[in-house]
Amino acid sequence: MSIKPRLILMNFLQFGVWGAYLTSMGGYLAQVGLGEKIWLFFAIQGIVSIFMPAIMGIFADKVMPAQRVLSLSHALAGLFMIGAGVYAMATGEAIQFGTFFLLYTVSVTFYMPTIAISNSVAYNALEKSQLDPVKHFPPIRVFGTIGFICCMLAVNFIKNGQGVQFQHSYEQFFLSGALSLVLCVYALTMPNCPCNGRGVKGQSFAETLGLNAFKLFREPRFAIFFIFSMFLGASLQITNGYANSFITHFESVPEFANTWGAHNANALISLSQISETLCILLIPFCMKKFGIKKVMLMSMFAWVLRFGLFGLGDTGSGLWMLMLSCVVYGVAFDFFNISGSLYVDQNTDSKMRSSAQGLFMLMTNGLGATFGTWAAGMVVNHFVYGSDSPSWSTAWLIFAAYAMVVTLLFAVLFKERNSEQVNA
C-alpha cells in the first residue's frame, strides 16, 4: 500500500481519539454537577502541553524513533482514558472530581504530545516517498478532521442502554480510549523516523537535548509568531470547552426547549469540522498566494466572527448565526493551526524539526490553552454559572473583543519575509 492511504488512516485515528470527547465533555461535566470545573479539564490539556510535547519531541529526535514514541504515548493515553470511563460508570452521578480528574489528566498528558509527533511521522514518511509535505500533507490531514467529525456524530446519535446519548454519558471516554489503543498498534507500521543520536561530538548541551529549538525566539519574526500562536491557542480552547454546554443550555429555555439544535449540540458543532475539511484544502494555495501573515490574519478575524456570532445567535430564529459561526471556524482553526505547523516545518532545520513542532505545540496547546481556559473559566463562571441571571451572550462577546485586539496587534507587529510565501 502506498504511503498516502496509510497516513490517511493514521490521521483519521489520531483525531478520532480527540473528537470522541473534546466537544462533548463539557456538556457531560455540567450534567454531573462539575460545570464550574469545566475550565480545569481543558486547562490541564494546556498545562501538560507546556512541557510534554517538547519533552516527547526531544525524545523522538534523540532517543526513540518518532513512530514508536507515538505508539507508546497512545497506549498510555488509551488505558487511562478507559480507566476514567470505568470510574465514571461505577460512580454515576456520585462521581468525585479528584479521582476522575486524575485519570483524565494522565491520559491527556500522553495524548497531547501525539498531535505534534504524528505530524513529524507524516512529514518524514512523505519525504521518504519524495513527496512535498506542503503539497501532500493538507489533503491527508483532512481525514484527521473527518475522523474527528465521525466520532463527534457517533457520540451525538448513538445511545446507551438507558437511551442516553453518548455525548451526555461516560461512553464517550470508552470510545476515545479504544481508538487510542488501535493507533498504538498501527503507529508501529509507519516508516522509521531516524533519531539524530543522544549526542554528537562538538554539540552543545542544549543541542544534545534538543533545546536549541528555543533559539528560534532570538529571531523577532519567530518570537512574534510563537507569541501570537499562544494567543490563538487561547481562542481555540474557549470553544472546545464551552460550545457544547452553551448550545445545550437552550434546552432549559422554554422558547428554545424543543428546537433541534438544543438537543443535538455535537451534531451542530460538527459543522465546524466539516468546514475545516474544506478549508484545509485551501491552505497550499493561500500559503503560496498570500504568505503566513495574511493567512494568520484571516484566521484571527474568523475568531472574531466565531465568538461574535455565538454571542448573538440561538437555536431558534438565530440558528443561522450559530451555523455561520461553525462555518467560519474552518478558517479560524486551519489557517492558524495547520498553516502554522507547515510554516515551522519549512523554516526550521531538519535536525530539530520534532523539537520545533513540540515548541509550536507548547505555545498553542500549552501556554495558550492554559491562559485561554483559565480566563474563559473566570468569564463564564462569573456571567453564567455564578450569576443569578446567566448570560452566555455577554461571555461570547467578551471573547470576540479579545480576538479583535489580538488581530489588530498582529497586523502591526508581525513582519514577514517575501521568501516565506511557501511554494506549493
Protein backbone atom coordinates (compact mmCIF):
# COMPACT_ATOMS: atom_id res chain seq x y z
CA MET A 1 0.00 0.00 0.00
CA SER A 2 1.28 3.48 -0.87
CA ILE A 3 2.12 5.89 1.93
CA LYS A 4 -0.82 8.26 1.43
CA PRO A 5 -3.62 5.80 2.41
CA ARG A 6 -1.55 4.70 5.40
CA LEU A 7 -1.14 8.28 6.60
CA ILE A 8 -4.83 8.96 5.97
CA LEU A 9 -5.77 6.16 8.37
CA MET A 10 -3.24 7.36 10.94
CA ASN A 11 -4.70 10.88 10.87
CA PHE A 12 -8.27 9.54 10.99
CA LEU A 13 -7.50 7.65 14.19
CA GLN A 14 -5.33 10.42 15.68
CA PHE A 15 -8.12 12.96 15.69
CA GLY A 16 -10.94 10.47 16.13
CA VAL A 17 -9.49 9.87 19.60
CA TRP A 18 -9.95 13.57 20.40
CA GLY A 19 -13.30 14.01 18.66
CA ALA A 20 -14.88 11.31 20.80
CA TYR A 21 -14.89 13.57 23.85
CA LEU A 22 -13.37 17.02 23.25
CA THR A 23 -16.53 18.89 22.24
CA SER A 24 -18.98 16.85 24.31
CA MET A 25 -17.10 16.52 27.61
CA GLY A 26 -18.17 20.00 28.78
CA GLY A 27 -21.83 19.06 28.46
CA TYR A 28 -21.26 15.80 30.35
CA LEU A 29 -19.40 17.56 33.16
CA ALA A 30 -22.17 20.14 33.52
CA GLN A 31 -24.72 17.34 33.73
CA VAL A 32 -22.92 15.53 36.59
CA GLY A 33 -22.52 18.72 38.63
CA LEU A 34 -19.00 19.69 37.56
CA GLY A 35 -19.94 22.70 35.42
CA GLU A 36 -17.75 25.12 37.34
CA LYS A 37 -14.81 22.70 36.90
CA ILE A 38 -15.04 22.52 33.09
CA TRP A 39 -12.22 25.02 32.64
CA LEU A 40 -9.88 22.84 34.69
CA PHE A 41 -10.35 19.85 32.38
CA PHE A 42 -9.39 21.95 29.38
CA ALA A 43 -6.72 23.91 31.23
CA ILE A 44 -4.91 20.70 32.18
CA GLN A 45 -4.55 19.92 28.48
CA GLY A 46 -2.75 23.22 28.19
CA ILE A 47 -0.65 22.72 31.31
CA VAL A 48 0.69 19.33 30.21
CA SER A 49 1.27 20.74 26.73
CA ILE A 50 3.65 23.29 28.21
CA PHE A 51 6.25 20.59 28.74
CA MET A 52 5.15 17.20 27.36
CA PRO A 53 5.24 17.90 23.58
CA ALA A 54 8.70 19.46 23.92
CA ILE A 55 9.95 16.56 26.06
CA MET A 56 8.49 13.89 23.80
CA GLY A 57 9.70 15.77 20.70
CA ILE A 58 13.23 15.79 22.09
CA PHE A 59 12.84 12.09 22.96
CA ALA A 60 11.76 11.37 19.37
CA ASP A 61 14.64 13.42 17.95
CA LYS A 62 17.33 11.92 20.18
CA VAL A 63 16.37 8.58 21.76
CA MET A 64 13.48 6.62 20.22
CA PRO A 65 12.07 6.74 16.66
CA ALA A 66 9.02 9.00 16.48
CA GLN A 67 6.64 6.26 15.34
CA ARG A 68 7.48 4.24 18.46
CA VAL A 69 7.04 7.26 20.71
CA LEU A 70 3.63 7.77 19.06
CA SER A 71 2.70 4.14 19.78
CA LEU A 72 3.81 4.25 23.42
CA SER A 73 2.01 7.54 24.07
CA HIS A 74 -1.27 6.25 22.65
CA ALA A 75 -1.04 3.05 24.68
CA LEU A 76 -0.86 5.02 27.94
CA ALA A 77 -3.40 7.63 26.85
CA GLY A 78 -5.90 4.95 25.87
CA LEU A 79 -5.58 2.88 29.02
CA PHE A 80 -6.07 5.84 31.35
CA MET A 81 -8.97 7.25 29.32
CA ILE A 82 -10.72 3.89 29.57
CA GLY A 83 -9.93 3.99 33.30
CA ALA A 84 -11.68 7.36 33.55
CA GLY A 85 -14.71 5.88 31.79
CA VAL A 86 -14.79 2.86 34.13
CA TYR A 87 -14.66 5.15 37.16
CA ALA A 88 -17.45 7.35 35.80
CA MET A 89 -19.58 4.27 35.07
CA ALA A 90 -19.05 2.87 38.58
CA THR A 91 -19.88 6.11 40.41
CA GLY A 92 -22.64 7.60 38.24
CA GLU A 93 -23.85 10.97 39.50
CA ALA A 94 -21.77 10.47 42.66
CA ILE A 95 -18.61 10.98 40.62
CA GLN A 96 -15.81 12.65 42.57
CA PHE A 97 -13.82 15.37 40.88
CA GLY A 98 -10.40 14.33 42.25
CA THR A 99 -10.25 10.71 41.06
CA PHE A 100 -11.85 11.34 37.69
CA PHE A 101 -9.69 14.38 37.06
CA LEU A 102 -6.51 12.44 37.91
CA LEU A 103 -7.29 9.62 35.46
CA TYR A 104 -8.21 12.11 32.75
CA THR A 105 -5.06 14.15 33.40
CA VAL A 106 -2.72 11.18 32.96
CA SER A 107 -4.48 10.29 29.72
CA VAL A 108 -4.16 13.75 28.16
CA THR A 109 -0.57 14.02 29.43
CA PHE A 110 0.32 11.33 26.93
CA TYR A 111 -2.20 12.24 24.23
CA MET A 112 -1.31 15.90 23.72
CA PRO A 113 2.28 15.24 22.52
CA THR A 114 0.97 12.86 19.86
CA ILE A 115 -0.53 15.73 17.85
CA ALA A 116 2.92 17.13 17.07
CA ILE A 117 4.61 13.71 16.87
CA SER A 118 2.07 12.41 14.35
CA ASN A 119 2.86 15.45 12.17
CA SER A 120 6.58 14.62 12.33
CA VAL A 121 5.86 10.98 11.44
CA ALA A 122 3.76 12.10 8.46
CA TYR A 123 6.31 14.65 7.21
CA ASN A 124 9.09 12.04 7.46
CA ALA A 125 7.06 9.43 5.58
CA LEU A 126 6.20 11.86 2.78
CA GLU A 127 9.80 12.98 2.39
CA LYS A 128 10.98 9.35 2.24
CA SER A 129 8.50 8.84 -0.59
CA GLN A 130 9.88 12.01 -2.26
CA LEU A 131 6.58 13.88 -1.79
CA ASP A 132 6.41 17.55 -0.82
CA PRO A 133 4.76 17.85 2.64
CA VAL A 134 3.34 21.32 1.90
CA LYS A 135 1.50 19.99 -1.16
CA HIS A 136 0.56 16.50 0.00
CA PHE A 137 0.04 16.79 3.77
CA PRO A 138 -3.06 19.07 3.85
CA PRO A 139 -5.25 16.63 1.84
CA ILE A 140 -4.09 13.83 4.14
CA ARG A 141 -4.74 15.95 7.25
CA VAL A 142 -8.33 16.44 6.03
CA PHE A 143 -9.01 12.86 7.06
CA GLY A 144 -7.97 13.69 10.61
CA THR A 145 -10.83 16.16 10.67
CA ILE A 146 -13.13 13.57 9.10
CA GLY A 147 -12.19 11.19 11.92
CA PHE A 148 -12.95 13.93 14.44
CA ILE A 149 -16.36 14.54 12.79
CA CYS A 150 -17.25 10.85 12.66
CA CYS A 151 -16.60 10.44 16.37
CA MET A 152 -18.48 13.66 17.21
CA LEU A 153 -21.52 12.43 15.28
CA ALA A 154 -21.18 8.96 16.80
CA VAL A 155 -21.39 10.27 20.37
CA ASN A 156 -24.24 12.59 19.34
CA PHE A 157 -26.51 9.98 17.77
CA ILE A 158 -25.55 6.68 19.45
CA LYS A 159 -27.45 5.98 22.67
CA ASN A 160 -26.63 3.62 25.51
CA GLY A 161 -28.97 1.03 27.03
CA GLN A 162 -30.78 3.72 29.02
CA GLY A 163 -31.49 5.76 25.91
CA VAL A 164 -28.92 8.45 26.81
CA GLN A 165 -26.77 9.91 24.03
CA PHE A 166 -23.07 9.14 24.38
CA GLN A 167 -22.39 12.90 24.40
CA HIS A 168 -24.15 13.05 27.77
CA SER A 169 -22.59 9.89 29.24
CA TYR A 170 -19.28 8.21 30.10
CA GLU A 171 -19.33 6.04 26.94
CA GLN A 172 -17.55 8.81 25.09
CA PHE A 173 -14.40 8.06 27.12
CA PHE A 174 -14.54 4.35 26.25
CA LEU A 175 -14.70 5.18 22.54
CA SER A 176 -11.74 7.55 22.80
CA GLY A 177 -9.61 5.07 24.74
CA ALA A 178 -10.37 2.21 22.35
CA LEU A 179 -9.29 4.26 19.34
CA SER A 180 -6.04 5.19 21.10
CA LEU A 181 -5.22 1.51 21.60
CA VAL A 182 -5.88 0.80 17.92
CA LEU A 183 -3.50 3.60 16.93
CA CYS A 184 -0.94 2.30 19.43
CA VAL A 185 -0.61 -0.82 17.27
CA TYR A 186 -0.99 0.89 13.91
CA ALA A 187 1.71 3.51 14.59
CA LEU A 188 4.33 0.76 14.62
CA THR A 189 3.67 0.12 10.92
CA MET A 190 4.76 3.65 9.93
CA PRO A 191 8.14 4.23 8.17
CA ASN A 192 11.03 4.56 10.57
CA CYS A 193 11.94 8.07 11.74
CA PRO A 194 15.70 8.00 12.37
CA CYS A 195 16.97 9.61 15.56
CA ASN A 196 19.80 12.12 15.50
CA GLY A 197 21.52 10.28 18.34
CA ARG A 198 21.97 11.04 22.02
CA GLY A 199 24.86 13.28 21.37
CA VAL A 200 27.40 14.15 18.70
CA LYS A 201 30.93 15.31 19.31
CA GLY A 202 31.08 19.09 19.21
CA GLN A 203 27.42 19.59 20.09
CA SER A 204 26.45 21.85 22.96
CA PHE A 205 24.42 20.53 25.89
CA ALA A 206 21.33 22.35 24.55
CA GLU A 207 21.78 20.80 21.09
CA THR A 208 22.16 17.34 22.59
CA LEU A 209 18.85 17.72 24.46
CA GLY A 210 17.08 19.29 21.51
CA LEU A 211 16.63 22.58 23.38
CA ASN A 212 18.15 24.51 20.51
CA ALA A 213 14.62 24.90 19.13
CA PHE A 214 14.17 27.65 21.72
CA LYS A 215 16.85 29.63 19.84
CA LEU A 216 14.10 30.47 17.37
CA PHE A 217 12.97 33.11 19.86
CA ARG A 218 16.13 35.06 19.06
CA GLU A 219 14.64 35.93 15.68
CA PRO A 220 11.97 38.65 16.07
CA ARG A 221 9.72 37.17 13.38
CA PHE A 222 9.70 33.76 15.10
CA ALA A 223 9.30 35.28 18.57
CA ILE A 224 6.26 37.28 17.46
CA PHE A 225 4.88 34.29 15.52
CA PHE A 226 5.08 32.00 18.56
CA ILE A 227 3.65 34.61 20.96
CA PHE A 228 0.63 35.21 18.75
CA SER A 229 0.29 31.46 18.25
CA MET A 230 -0.18 31.34 22.02
CA PHE A 231 -2.94 33.96 21.83
CA LEU A 232 -4.72 31.99 19.10
CA GLY A 233 -4.31 28.77 21.10
CA ALA A 234 -6.27 30.52 23.83
CA SER A 235 -9.14 31.17 21.41
CA LEU A 236 -9.31 27.53 20.33
CA GLN A 237 -9.79 26.13 23.83
CA ILE A 238 -12.62 28.56 24.63
CA THR A 239 -14.98 26.95 22.13
CA ASN A 240 -13.73 23.42 22.83
CA GLY A 241 -14.59 23.90 26.48
CA TYR A 242 -17.92 25.69 26.33
CA ALA A 243 -19.61 25.37 22.91
CA ASN A 244 -21.47 22.14 23.80
CA SER A 245 -22.73 23.30 27.19
CA PHE A 246 -23.67 26.70 25.68
CA ILE A 247 -25.83 25.16 22.95
CA THR A 248 -27.29 22.52 25.27
CA HIS A 249 -28.40 25.21 27.77
CA PHE A 250 -31.13 26.22 25.29
CA GLU A 251 -32.96 23.03 26.39
CA SER A 252 -33.75 24.83 29.65
CA VAL A 253 -35.03 27.97 27.90
CA PRO A 254 -38.79 27.50 27.24
CA GLU A 255 -38.66 29.38 23.95
CA PHE A 256 -36.00 27.04 22.54
CA ALA A 257 -36.57 23.83 24.55
CA ASN A 258 -37.98 21.87 21.61
CA THR A 259 -35.59 23.09 18.92
CA TRP A 260 -33.41 20.55 17.13
CA GLY A 261 -30.17 22.39 17.84
CA ALA A 262 -30.68 22.44 21.59
CA HIS A 263 -30.85 18.62 21.64
CA ASN A 264 -28.08 17.95 19.13
CA ALA A 265 -25.22 20.21 20.16
CA ASN A 266 -22.47 17.93 18.88
CA ALA A 267 -24.14 17.49 15.50
CA LEU A 268 -24.42 21.28 15.18
CA ILE A 269 -20.83 21.82 16.26
CA SER A 270 -19.72 19.20 13.71
CA LEU A 271 -20.41 21.82 11.01
CA SER A 272 -17.22 23.44 12.31
CA GLN A 273 -15.20 20.36 11.44
CA ILE A 274 -16.95 19.91 8.08
CA SER A 275 -15.91 23.47 7.25
CA GLU A 276 -12.43 22.59 8.46
CA THR A 277 -12.11 19.77 5.91
CA LEU A 278 -12.80 22.21 3.08
CA CYS A 279 -10.53 24.94 4.41
CA ILE A 280 -7.58 22.58 4.77
CA LEU A 281 -7.62 22.11 1.01
CA LEU A 282 -7.22 25.87 0.55
CA ILE A 283 -4.02 26.04 2.61
CA PRO A 284 -1.43 25.29 -0.12
CA PHE A 285 -2.97 27.95 -2.39
CA CYS A 286 -3.33 30.54 0.39
CA MET A 287 0.17 29.98 1.78
CA LYS A 288 1.65 30.44 -1.69
CA LYS A 289 -0.57 33.35 -2.71
CA PHE A 290 -0.75 35.37 0.50
CA GLY A 291 2.05 34.23 2.83
CA ILE A 292 1.86 33.38 6.51
CA LYS A 293 0.95 36.88 7.77
CA LYS A 294 -2.21 37.31 5.73
CA VAL A 295 -3.23 33.71 6.34
CA MET A 296 -2.86 34.23 10.10
CA LEU A 297 -4.85 37.48 9.91
CA MET A 298 -7.65 35.65 8.14
CA SER A 299 -7.67 33.16 10.99
CA MET A 300 -7.72 35.87 13.64
CA PHE A 301 -10.63 37.76 12.12
CA ALA A 302 -12.50 34.48 11.74
CA TRP A 303 -12.19 34.05 15.53
CA VAL A 304 -13.85 37.45 15.98
CA LEU A 305 -16.78 36.20 13.89
CA ARG A 306 -16.82 32.81 15.61
CA PHE A 307 -17.30 34.32 19.07
CA GLY A 308 -19.48 37.24 17.99
CA LEU A 309 -22.00 35.06 16.16
CA PHE A 310 -22.21 32.72 19.16
CA GLY A 311 -22.96 35.76 21.31
CA LEU A 312 -25.81 36.89 19.06
CA GLY A 313 -27.31 33.55 18.00
CA ASP A 314 -29.68 30.94 19.44
CA THR A 315 -31.21 27.60 18.41
CA GLY A 316 -34.44 29.24 17.20
CA SER A 317 -34.61 32.09 14.68
CA GLY A 318 -30.94 32.80 15.38
CA LEU A 319 -29.83 29.30 14.42
CA TRP A 320 -28.31 30.66 11.20
CA MET A 321 -25.83 32.66 13.29
CA LEU A 322 -24.70 29.56 15.17
CA MET A 323 -24.35 27.73 11.86
CA LEU A 324 -22.37 30.59 10.29
CA SER A 325 -20.14 30.65 13.37
CA CYS A 326 -19.40 26.98 12.75
CA VAL A 327 -18.63 27.64 9.08
CA VAL A 328 -16.05 30.37 9.82
CA TYR A 329 -14.43 28.05 12.38
CA GLY A 330 -12.77 26.22 9.48
CA VAL A 331 -10.82 29.36 8.59
CA ALA A 332 -10.20 30.21 12.25
CA PHE A 333 -8.66 26.82 13.05
CA ASP A 334 -6.96 25.65 9.84
CA PHE A 335 -5.44 28.93 8.74
CA PHE A 336 -3.69 29.07 12.09
CA ASN A 337 -3.05 25.51 13.24
CA ILE A 338 -2.20 23.66 10.01
CA SER A 339 -0.54 26.63 8.28
CA GLY A 340 1.47 27.37 11.43
CA SER A 341 2.72 23.79 11.63
CA LEU A 342 3.78 23.88 7.98
CA TYR A 343 5.43 27.27 8.47
CA VAL A 344 7.50 25.87 11.33
CA ASP A 345 8.40 22.77 9.31
CA GLN A 346 9.53 24.81 6.31
CA ASN A 347 11.56 27.35 8.29
CA THR A 348 13.48 25.16 10.76
CA ASP A 349 16.48 22.87 10.40
CA SER A 350 15.61 19.19 9.87
CA LYS A 351 17.76 18.20 12.87
CA MET A 352 15.39 19.92 15.28
CA ARG A 353 12.11 19.56 13.38
CA SER A 354 10.34 17.45 16.01
CA SER A 355 11.60 19.76 18.74
CA ALA A 356 10.34 22.82 16.83
CA GLN A 357 6.94 21.20 16.34
CA GLY A 358 6.90 20.50 20.07
CA LEU A 359 7.67 24.16 20.72
CA PHE A 360 4.79 25.23 18.46
CA MET A 361 2.55 22.82 20.37
CA LEU A 362 3.79 24.25 23.67
CA MET A 363 2.83 27.79 22.67
CA THR A 364 -0.59 26.88 21.24
CA ASN A 365 -1.99 23.92 23.16
CA GLY A 366 0.29 24.58 26.15
CA LEU A 367 0.61 28.16 27.28
CA GLY A 368 -2.19 29.38 25.02
CA ALA A 369 -4.67 26.75 26.11
CA THR A 370 -3.81 27.24 29.79
CA PHE A 371 -4.23 31.01 29.58
CA GLY A 372 -7.38 30.70 27.45
CA THR A 373 -9.21 28.19 29.61
CA TRP A 374 -8.28 29.98 32.84
CA ALA A 375 -9.50 33.33 31.51
CA ALA A 376 -12.57 31.78 29.87
CA GLY A 377 -13.38 29.95 33.09
CA MET A 378 -13.33 33.21 35.02
CA VAL A 379 -15.61 34.90 32.48
CA VAL A 380 -18.09 32.01 32.13
CA ASN A 381 -18.21 31.27 35.86
CA HIS A 382 -18.90 34.96 36.54
CA PHE A 383 -21.52 35.59 33.84
CA VAL A 384 -23.08 32.10 33.64
CA TYR A 385 -22.51 29.55 36.43
CA GLY A 386 -22.04 32.09 39.22
CA SER A 387 -24.77 34.53 38.19
CA ASP A 388 -28.41 34.78 39.21
CA SER A 389 -29.10 35.99 35.65
CA PRO A 390 -26.84 33.82 33.44
CA SER A 391 -25.72 35.50 30.21
CA TRP A 392 -23.85 33.36 27.71
CA SER A 393 -24.17 36.21 25.21
CA THR A 394 -22.06 38.56 27.34
CA ALA A 395 -19.33 35.94 27.72
CA TRP A 396 -19.08 35.28 23.96
CA LEU A 397 -18.97 38.98 23.09
CA ILE A 398 -16.11 39.49 25.57
CA PHE A 399 -14.22 36.71 23.78
CA ALA A 400 -14.93 38.39 20.41
CA ALA A 401 -13.45 41.66 21.68
CA TYR A 402 -10.33 39.77 22.81
CA ALA A 403 -9.89 38.23 19.35
CA MET A 404 -10.22 41.64 17.70
CA VAL A 405 -7.46 43.13 19.87
CA VAL A 406 -5.16 40.21 19.00
CA THR A 407 -5.88 40.69 15.29
CA LEU A 408 -5.02 44.39 15.32
CA LEU A 409 -1.79 43.86 17.28
CA PHE A 410 -0.57 41.07 14.98
CA ALA A 411 -1.27 43.21 11.89
CA VAL A 412 1.01 45.90 13.27
CA LEU A 413 3.79 43.84 14.85
CA PHE A 414 4.48 40.82 12.61
CA LYS A 415 6.89 41.35 9.70
CA GLU A 416 7.07 38.67 7.04
CA ARG A 417 9.90 37.99 4.65
CA ASN A 418 8.94 37.77 0.98
CA SER A 419 10.70 34.41 0.78
CA GLU A 420 8.31 32.95 3.35
CA GLN A 421 5.46 32.56 0.88
CA VAL A 422 5.65 28.78 0.70
CA ASN A 423 5.94 27.11 -2.67
CA ALA A 424 3.11 24.67 -3.20
